[in-house]
Protein backbone atom coordinates (compact mmCIF):
# COMPACT_ATOMS: atom_id res chain seq x y z
CA MET A 1 18.24 -14.84 20.08
CA ASN A 2 16.49 -14.93 16.76
CA LYS A 3 14.33 -11.82 16.42
CA LYS A 4 11.35 -13.78 15.17
CA ILE A 5 11.44 -15.75 18.40
CA LEU A 6 11.67 -12.49 20.30
CA LEU A 7 8.51 -11.26 18.60
CA LEU A 8 6.70 -14.42 19.61
CA LEU A 9 7.95 -14.04 23.16
CA SER A 10 6.68 -10.47 23.31
CA LEU A 11 3.25 -11.69 22.23
CA VAL A 12 3.34 -14.31 24.98
CA LEU A 13 4.15 -11.51 27.38
CA CYS A 14 1.13 -9.57 26.14
CA ALA A 15 -1.01 -12.62 26.82
CA CYS A 16 0.31 -12.71 30.37
CA LEU A 17 -0.79 -9.11 30.86
CA LEU A 18 -4.32 -9.87 29.72
CA SER A 19 -4.58 -12.94 31.92
CA GLY A 20 -4.07 -11.14 35.21
CA CYS A 21 -0.47 -10.00 35.57
CA ALA A 22 -1.79 -6.53 36.41
CA MET A 23 -2.37 -7.80 39.95
CA PHE A 24 1.32 -8.58 40.51
CA PRO A 25 3.48 -6.39 42.75
CA PRO A 26 5.78 -3.70 41.22
CA SER A 27 8.87 -5.92 40.77
CA ARG A 28 7.18 -7.70 37.89
CA LEU A 29 9.84 -9.87 36.33
CA GLU A 30 11.45 -10.92 39.59
CA THR A 31 8.15 -12.36 40.76
CA MET A 32 6.99 -13.65 37.37
CA PHE A 33 10.03 -15.81 36.75
CA ARG A 34 12.55 -17.72 38.80
CA ASP A 35 16.13 -17.75 37.54
CA THR A 36 17.61 -21.00 36.32
CA THR A 37 21.12 -22.00 35.35
CA GLU A 38 19.92 -24.56 32.82
CA ASP A 39 21.29 -24.04 29.31
CA SER A 40 17.97 -24.92 27.65
CA ALA A 41 15.74 -22.00 26.55
CA ALA A 42 12.61 -24.05 27.26
CA THR A 43 10.20 -23.08 30.01
CA LYS A 44 9.00 -25.44 32.73
CA GLY A 45 5.79 -25.11 34.66
CA ASN A 46 4.88 -26.50 38.09
CA GLY A 47 1.67 -25.19 39.59
CA ASP A 48 1.83 -21.38 39.79
CA THR A 49 5.59 -21.29 39.21
CA VAL A 50 7.25 -20.94 35.80
CA THR A 51 10.97 -21.56 35.38
CA ILE A 52 12.80 -20.18 32.35
CA SER A 53 16.40 -19.89 31.23
CA ARG A 54 18.54 -16.85 32.03
CA GLU A 55 18.69 -16.01 28.32
CA LEU A 56 14.91 -15.92 28.03
CA TYR A 57 14.60 -13.95 31.28
CA GLU A 58 16.99 -11.30 29.97
CA GLN A 59 14.91 -11.01 26.82
CA TYR A 60 11.76 -10.46 28.89
CA GLN A 61 13.52 -7.74 30.90
CA GLN A 62 13.44 -5.48 27.84
CA PHE A 63 9.68 -5.22 28.30
CA ASP A 64 9.69 -4.48 32.03
CA GLU A 65 9.05 -0.77 31.36
CA LEU A 66 5.84 -1.63 29.49
CA LEU A 67 4.66 -3.64 32.47
CA GLU A 68 5.35 -0.69 34.76
CA LEU A 69 3.32 1.56 32.46
CA MET A 70 0.45 -0.91 32.58
CA ASP A 71 0.62 -0.87 36.38
CA ALA A 72 0.66 2.94 36.39
CA ALA A 73 -2.43 3.06 34.18
CA ASP A 74 -4.18 0.59 36.45
CA ALA A 75 -3.30 2.61 39.53
CA TYR A 76 -3.62 6.25 38.42
CA TYR A 77 -5.43 6.71 35.10
CA VAL A 78 -8.60 8.77 35.44
CA LYS A 79 -10.72 6.00 33.85
CA ASP A 80 -10.60 2.25 33.95
CA PRO A 81 -7.96 1.40 31.30
CA ASP A 82 -8.80 -0.90 28.41
CA HIS A 83 -5.86 -3.32 28.44
CA GLN A 84 -6.61 -4.63 24.97
CA GLU A 85 -6.57 -1.15 23.42
CA MET A 86 -3.33 -0.43 25.27
CA LEU A 87 -1.80 -3.56 23.78
CA TYR A 88 -2.94 -2.55 20.29
CA GLY A 89 -1.23 0.79 20.86
CA ALA A 90 1.91 -0.90 22.17
CA ALA A 91 2.05 -3.15 19.10
CA ALA A 92 1.65 -0.13 16.81
CA GLY A 93 4.37 1.71 18.71
CA LEU A 94 6.74 -1.26 18.51
CA LEU A 95 6.68 -1.20 14.71
CA ALA A 96 6.64 2.61 14.57
CA GLY A 97 9.98 2.46 16.36
CA LEU A 98 11.52 1.13 13.13
CA GLY A 99 11.05 4.59 11.62
CA ASP A 100 9.66 3.16 8.38
CA PRO A 101 6.38 4.69 7.13
CA TYR A 102 5.62 1.50 5.21
CA THR A 103 5.87 -0.76 8.26
CA PHE A 104 2.91 -0.64 10.62
CA TYR A 105 0.37 -2.57 12.69
CA TYR A 106 -3.30 -3.18 11.86
CA ASP A 107 -5.65 -3.64 14.78
CA PRO A 108 -8.41 -6.18 13.98
CA GLU A 109 -10.80 -3.52 12.64
CA ALA A 110 -8.16 -1.96 10.38
CA TYR A 111 -6.98 -5.37 9.15
CA GLN A 112 -10.52 -6.34 8.18
CA GLN A 113 -10.99 -2.99 6.44
CA MET A 114 -7.78 -3.49 4.47
CA GLN A 115 -9.09 -6.83 3.24
CA GLU A 116 -12.44 -5.25 2.29
CA ASP A 117 -10.58 -2.54 0.33
CA ASP A 118 -8.81 -5.25 -1.62
CA GLU A 119 -12.15 -6.84 -2.52
CA GLY A 120 -13.26 -3.56 -4.10
CA ASN A 121 -16.48 -2.64 -2.24
CA TYR A 122 -16.96 -0.35 0.74
CA ALA A 123 -19.22 2.35 2.16
CA GLY A 124 -17.65 5.79 1.92
CA ILE A 125 -17.49 8.98 -0.12
CA GLY A 126 -15.86 7.51 -3.24
CA VAL A 127 -12.33 8.84 -3.65
CA MET A 128 -8.84 7.37 -3.94
CA ILE A 129 -6.23 9.27 -1.94
CA SER A 130 -2.45 9.31 -2.24
CA GLY A 131 -0.54 10.29 0.91
CA ASP A 132 2.99 11.61 0.40
CA TYR A 133 5.14 11.05 3.50
CA ARG A 134 7.71 13.49 2.15
CA THR A 135 5.33 16.48 2.04
CA GLY A 136 2.56 15.26 4.32
CA LEU A 137 -0.06 16.16 1.68
CA CYS A 138 -2.94 13.83 0.78
CA THR A 139 -4.07 14.26 -2.80
CA ILE A 140 -7.23 13.00 -4.48
CA THR A 141 -6.01 10.82 -7.33
CA ARG A 142 -9.32 9.36 -8.46
CA VAL A 143 -13.01 10.14 -8.02
CA PHE A 144 -15.16 7.05 -8.52
CA LYS A 145 -18.04 7.16 -10.96
CA GLY A 146 -21.48 7.44 -9.39
CA SER A 147 -20.01 8.27 -5.97
CA PRO A 148 -21.10 11.04 -3.57
CA SER A 149 -17.79 12.82 -4.24
CA GLU A 150 -18.41 12.89 -7.99
CA ALA A 151 -21.91 14.25 -7.44
CA ALA A 152 -20.53 16.99 -5.17
CA GLY A 153 -17.87 18.06 -7.67
CA VAL A 154 -14.74 16.77 -5.93
CA MET A 155 -11.88 16.81 -8.45
CA ARG A 156 -8.72 14.85 -9.07
CA GLY A 157 -5.87 16.94 -7.71
CA ASP A 158 -7.83 18.34 -4.78
CA ILE A 159 -6.01 18.19 -1.43
CA LEU A 160 -7.83 16.43 1.41
CA TYR A 161 -7.44 19.02 4.18
CA LYS A 162 -9.84 18.22 7.02
CA VAL A 163 -12.34 15.57 8.06
CA GLY A 164 -14.90 16.88 10.53
CA ASP A 165 -13.97 19.98 12.49
CA ASP A 166 -10.92 18.66 14.30
CA LEU A 167 -8.84 16.32 12.14
CA THR A 168 -6.33 18.06 9.90
CA VAL A 169 -5.28 15.32 7.50
CA THR A 170 -1.65 14.37 6.85
CA ALA A 171 -0.02 11.28 5.39
CA GLU A 172 0.66 10.11 8.95
CA ASN A 173 -3.00 10.12 10.04
CA LEU A 174 -4.61 9.40 6.65
CA GLN A 175 -5.92 6.03 7.84
CA GLU A 176 -7.73 7.74 10.72
CA ALA A 177 -9.33 10.13 8.21
CA VAL A 178 -10.39 7.23 6.01
CA ASP A 179 -11.93 5.45 9.01
CA ILE A 180 -14.05 8.54 9.74
CA MET A 181 -15.16 9.00 6.12
CA ARG A 182 -16.40 5.42 5.98
CA GLY A 183 -19.48 4.21 7.78
CA ILE A 184 -23.14 3.40 7.39
CA PRO A 185 -24.61 4.24 3.97
CA GLY A 186 -26.89 7.28 4.16
CA THR A 187 -25.05 8.95 7.05
CA GLU A 188 -23.07 12.12 6.39
CA VAL A 189 -19.56 13.39 7.01
CA ASP A 190 -18.04 16.87 6.70
CA VAL A 191 -14.92 16.98 4.52
CA THR A 192 -12.78 19.99 3.59
CA PHE A 193 -10.64 20.12 0.45
CA ILE A 194 -8.13 22.63 -0.86
CA ARG A 195 -8.23 23.49 -4.56
CA GLY A 196 -5.61 26.05 -5.52
CA THR A 197 -6.06 28.78 -2.92
CA ASP A 198 -9.70 27.91 -2.18
CA GLU A 199 -10.91 25.96 0.83
CA ILE A 200 -14.00 23.89 -0.01
CA ARG A 201 -16.10 22.37 2.77
CA LEU A 202 -18.65 19.74 1.78
CA THR A 203 -21.15 17.62 3.65
CA LEU A 204 -21.06 14.28 1.85
CA PRO A 205 -23.34 11.27 2.27
CA ARG A 206 -21.74 7.86 2.62
CA ALA A 207 -22.72 5.28 0.02
CA ILE A 208 -21.67 1.85 -1.26
CA VAL A 209 -18.79 2.37 -3.69
CA HIS A 210 -17.69 -0.21 -6.23
CA VAL A 211 -14.01 0.08 -7.09
CA ASN A 212 -13.14 -1.15 -10.57
CA GLN A 213 -9.37 -1.54 -10.96
CA VAL A 214 -9.23 -1.68 -14.77
CA GLU A 215 -10.82 0.26 -17.64
CA SER A 216 -10.02 -0.22 -21.31
CA THR A 217 -10.99 0.82 -24.82
CA LEU A 218 -9.74 0.64 -28.39
CA LEU A 219 -8.55 3.98 -29.74
CA GLU A 220 -7.88 4.83 -33.38
CA ASP A 221 -5.16 3.22 -35.52
CA GLY A 222 -5.21 -0.14 -33.70
CA ILE A 223 -4.10 1.36 -30.37
CA GLY A 224 -5.47 -0.29 -27.26
CA TYR A 225 -5.66 1.66 -24.00
CA ILE A 226 -5.78 0.04 -20.54
CA ALA A 227 -5.92 2.11 -17.35
CA LEU A 228 -4.86 0.13 -14.28
CA TYR A 229 -5.76 2.03 -11.13
CA GLN A 230 -4.36 -0.22 -8.39
CA PHE A 231 -2.85 -3.67 -7.95
CA ALA A 232 -5.67 -5.00 -5.81
CA GLY A 233 -8.51 -7.48 -5.89
CA GLU A 234 -8.54 -9.45 -9.14
CA CYS A 235 -6.90 -6.70 -11.18
CA ASP A 236 -4.60 -9.17 -12.96
CA LYS A 237 -7.57 -11.16 -14.24
CA GLU A 238 -9.39 -7.96 -15.22
CA PHE A 239 -6.29 -6.74 -17.04
CA GLU A 240 -5.80 -10.01 -18.92
CA ALA A 241 -9.45 -10.01 -20.00
CA ALA A 242 -9.09 -6.42 -21.24
CA LEU A 243 -5.91 -7.29 -23.15
CA ASN A 244 -7.54 -10.31 -24.80
CA ASP A 245 -10.55 -8.20 -25.78
CA LEU A 246 -8.39 -5.48 -27.34
CA THR A 247 -6.15 -7.83 -29.29
CA ALA A 248 -9.24 -9.69 -30.55
CA LYS A 249 -10.47 -6.34 -31.87
CA GLY A 250 -7.20 -5.80 -33.74
CA ALA A 251 -5.03 -3.82 -31.32
CA LYS A 252 -1.36 -3.85 -32.38
CA GLY A 253 -0.13 -1.57 -29.63
CA ILE A 254 -1.15 -1.23 -25.97
CA ILE A 255 -0.84 1.87 -23.82
CA ILE A 256 -0.79 0.90 -20.13
CA ASP A 257 -1.79 3.89 -17.98
CA LEU A 258 -0.34 3.64 -14.47
CA ARG A 259 -0.70 7.30 -13.53
CA ASP A 260 -1.63 7.72 -9.87
CA ASN A 261 -1.44 3.96 -9.34
CA PRO A 262 0.07 3.62 -5.83
CA GLY A 263 0.94 -0.07 -6.23
CA GLY A 264 -0.36 -3.06 -4.30
CA TRP A 265 0.18 -6.79 -4.65
CA THR A 266 3.46 -7.62 -6.37
CA ASP A 267 2.21 -11.00 -7.60
CA ALA A 268 -0.40 -9.13 -9.67
CA ALA A 269 2.37 -7.03 -11.24
CA GLN A 270 4.30 -10.22 -12.01
CA HIS A 271 1.25 -11.83 -13.64
CA ILE A 272 0.56 -8.79 -15.82
CA ALA A 273 4.23 -8.48 -16.83
CA ASP A 274 4.18 -12.17 -17.80
CA LEU A 275 1.53 -11.41 -20.45
CA PHE A 276 4.11 -9.41 -22.41
CA LEU A 277 7.32 -11.33 -21.69
CA ASP A 278 8.99 -14.56 -22.72
CA ALA A 279 10.68 -16.67 -20.05
CA GLY A 280 12.99 -14.62 -17.83
CA GLU A 281 13.23 -12.36 -14.80
CA VAL A 282 10.52 -9.86 -13.90
CA TYR A 283 12.30 -8.39 -10.87
CA TYR A 284 14.47 -9.61 -8.02
CA LEU A 285 14.71 -8.88 -4.32
CA LYS A 286 17.66 -8.05 -2.10
CA TYR A 287 17.27 -8.72 1.62
CA ARG A 288 19.17 -7.52 4.64
CA GLY A 289 22.66 -8.93 4.51
CA GLY A 290 22.78 -8.83 0.72
CA TYR A 291 20.97 -12.10 -0.05
CA GLU A 292 19.26 -11.94 -3.45
CA GLU A 293 16.13 -13.82 -4.45
CA HIS A 294 15.77 -14.45 -8.18
CA THR A 295 12.49 -16.37 -8.27
CA TYR A 296 10.12 -13.80 -9.76
CA ARG A 297 10.07 -14.90 -13.35
CA SER A 298 7.87 -14.90 -16.43
CA LYS A 299 6.96 -17.92 -18.51
CA LYS A 300 7.44 -18.53 -22.23
CA GLY A 301 4.81 -16.97 -24.49
CA ARG A 302 3.77 -13.34 -24.79
CA ALA A 303 1.35 -10.99 -26.53
CA ASP A 304 2.69 -9.72 -29.86
CA VAL A 305 2.07 -6.00 -29.31
CA LYS A 306 4.06 -2.77 -28.97
CA LEU A 307 4.00 -1.16 -25.53
CA VAL A 308 3.89 2.35 -24.11
CA MET A 309 3.79 2.91 -20.33
CA LEU A 310 2.13 6.13 -19.13
CA VAL A 311 3.31 7.14 -15.64
CA ASN A 312 3.50 10.11 -13.30
CA GLU A 313 4.92 11.12 -9.93
CA ASN A 314 2.31 9.01 -8.10
CA SER A 315 3.09 5.77 -9.95
CA ALA A 316 4.70 3.71 -7.21
CA SER A 317 5.73 0.27 -5.98
CA SER A 318 4.11 -2.44 -8.12
CA SER A 319 3.55 0.17 -10.84
CA GLU A 320 7.31 0.62 -10.95
CA ILE A 321 7.92 -3.15 -10.90
CA LEU A 322 5.71 -3.52 -13.98
CA THR A 323 7.15 -0.47 -15.72
CA GLY A 324 10.74 -1.52 -15.04
CA ALA A 325 10.21 -5.07 -16.27
CA LEU A 326 8.49 -4.05 -19.50
CA LYS A 327 11.01 -1.26 -20.15
CA ASP A 328 13.96 -3.61 -19.62
CA ARG A 329 12.65 -6.69 -21.39
CA ALA A 330 9.70 -5.84 -23.65
CA GLY A 331 10.94 -2.67 -25.31
CA ALA A 332 8.24 -0.54 -23.64
CA THR A 333 8.58 3.22 -24.08
CA VAL A 334 7.90 5.15 -20.87
CA VAL A 335 5.94 8.40 -21.27
CA GLY A 336 5.10 10.97 -18.58
CA VAL A 337 7.22 12.13 -15.64
CA ASN A 338 9.57 10.45 -13.18
CA THR A 339 7.81 7.85 -11.03
CA PHE A 340 7.54 7.97 -7.23
CA GLY A 341 10.53 5.82 -6.29
CA LYS A 342 9.17 3.24 -3.85
CA GLY A 343 11.53 0.36 -4.54
CA ILE A 344 10.84 -1.68 -1.42
CA VAL A 345 8.35 -4.47 -0.82
CA GLN A 346 6.30 -5.33 2.23
CA ALA A 347 4.85 -8.54 3.58
CA VAL A 348 1.32 -8.35 5.01
CA LEU A 349 0.72 -10.97 7.68
CA PRO A 350 -1.79 -11.83 10.41
CA VAL A 351 -0.64 -11.72 14.02
CA GLY A 352 -2.15 -13.08 17.21
CA ASP A 353 -5.58 -14.69 17.53
CA LYS A 354 -7.85 -11.61 17.52
CA GLY A 355 -7.80 -10.78 13.81
CA ALA A 356 -4.95 -8.24 13.84
CA GLY A 357 -2.17 -8.01 11.27
CA PHE A 358 0.89 -6.07 10.27
CA GLN A 359 2.82 -4.87 7.24
CA ILE A 360 6.61 -4.91 7.28
CA THR A 361 9.26 -3.95 4.76
CA ILE A 362 11.28 -7.05 3.94
CA ALA A 363 13.40 -6.25 0.91
CA GLU A 364 14.42 -3.84 -1.83
CA TYR A 365 13.54 -4.75 -5.40
CA PHE A 366 15.49 -4.28 -8.61
CA THR A 367 14.45 -4.33 -12.26
CA PRO A 368 15.74 -7.17 -14.48
CA SER A 369 18.69 -5.00 -15.56
CA GLY A 370 19.68 -4.43 -11.92
CA TYR A 371 18.35 -0.89 -11.59
CA ALA A 372 17.47 0.16 -8.02
CA VAL A 373 14.17 2.07 -8.09
CA HIS A 374 14.03 3.11 -4.43
CA GLU A 375 14.14 6.88 -3.83
CA LYS A 376 15.01 7.42 -7.51
CA GLY A 377 12.03 6.22 -9.49
CA ILE A 378 12.00 5.46 -13.21
CA ALA A 379 12.72 8.31 -15.62
CA PRO A 380 10.52 8.57 -18.73
CA ASP A 381 11.88 8.10 -22.24
CA VAL A 382 9.48 10.83 -23.36
CA GLU A 383 9.00 13.45 -20.65
CA VAL A 384 5.54 15.03 -20.56
CA PRO A 385 4.71 17.12 -17.49
CA LEU A 386 1.16 18.29 -16.96
CA LYS A 387 0.42 21.70 -18.39
CA GLU A 388 -0.04 24.50 -15.88
CA GLY A 389 -3.54 24.44 -14.43
CA ASP A 390 -4.29 20.92 -15.66
CA LYS A 391 -6.01 19.05 -12.81
CA GLY A 392 -6.61 15.90 -14.83
CA MET A 393 -10.37 16.35 -14.99
CA TYR A 394 -11.30 14.95 -18.38
CA ASP A 395 -13.25 12.00 -19.64
CA PHE A 396 -11.75 8.53 -19.70
CA ALA A 397 -9.55 7.85 -22.76
CA ASP A 398 -9.64 11.44 -24.03
CA PRO A 399 -6.32 12.02 -25.86
CA THR A 400 -7.54 15.39 -27.16
CA ASN A 401 -7.80 17.01 -23.72
CA ASP A 402 -5.51 14.64 -21.80
CA TYR A 403 -2.16 15.97 -23.03
CA GLN A 404 -0.10 13.17 -21.51
CA LEU A 405 -2.32 10.49 -23.05
CA GLY A 406 -2.25 12.33 -26.36
CA THR A 407 1.55 12.21 -26.31
CA ALA A 408 1.44 8.51 -25.45
CA VAL A 409 -0.82 7.92 -28.47
CA GLU A 410 1.56 9.82 -30.78
CA THR A 411 4.47 7.83 -29.35
CA MET A 412 2.63 4.59 -30.06
CA ARG A 413 1.85 5.68 -33.63
CA LYS A 414 5.56 6.20 -34.24
CA LYS A 415 6.37 2.76 -32.83
CA LEU A 416 3.75 1.07 -34.99
CA ASN A 417 5.17 2.86 -38.04
CA GLY A 418 8.69 1.71 -37.22
CA GLU A 419 9.88 5.19 -36.20
CA THR A 420 11.93 6.07 -33.14
CA PRO A 421 9.71 7.72 -30.48
């Protein structure tokens, strides 16, 4: 049976549990359904009796163990079980069984929070965190201006170690840590960071944090600089406005800084790429079974500027889509270090009628030239690792102290002068 139908059937089964199936005797499925030899997969109801096809019955049998566990909780658990919370946990476990860290379930509270994050305002301590599933470490990649974390001296590059006394933070439980750090403005939370060999424990107040996704300025020699922090909210509109402002001021070259940008909405990456490309492919997807989708294209008309992409090991997903497209088709020079290598895309969808949702990996993406980014990343044309001891704590658009940005500026100067970077 089609797996999408199976998912719907499992949700119907969950609904049965909530509507009173917990009172049934132990042989759940035998009493819930009566066998039928009809070929149709449709169900028929008559009073308290439901008749389904053998095929559908056999599909339901896969979930009999979950029903037994529900019965056991009802009969033996030390407290009255919350069936709804159990079902949230079962849904999370179902997707966790795929073994993909990028596929997971949002309960209604988490799904709403995800949407609030995308809008760019929340109550918390004011940091952006990158969780690496390969090492388990959670690194501070950005400290927001005017936030409690900035006031307390939290630095880019710090490792988020603990929240409260009990939660040791890893990439696997990062969302739980974020949930704890958020809350009512004015309340406090204890957070422990690691900086080098030092363990730093801070008591931070929660406050309303505004997340701007784009910052820009005009540097010397007609070089425009745009830092894009995440593909979220209305970042594509913010980026386009910044580009128009810089070109109106005379910018002939644009440095796009995607360092520590973890990705986000792919349609935003497509829109931004379109600003610099004539008609053609931005990226394409390959689904299970080998089917390719070549519908992600740019339109005719582009900005007449030279491009340098500034990336690092935390530039991932949509950052790599944008970098790959502009490297392949707009002559962009990539400066920095090898990118993260997340070359897969996820769909984010609602599920059920209680406000929950889920994210699921649906395809692998390729750059216009056919390069597969996943688990390889994009190598820079000009490699510039951070200098030893450099934690990235310098002012915005500071090419003197920001060695990687300084190299990107020198690379752009060469391009504007017709030299090979």
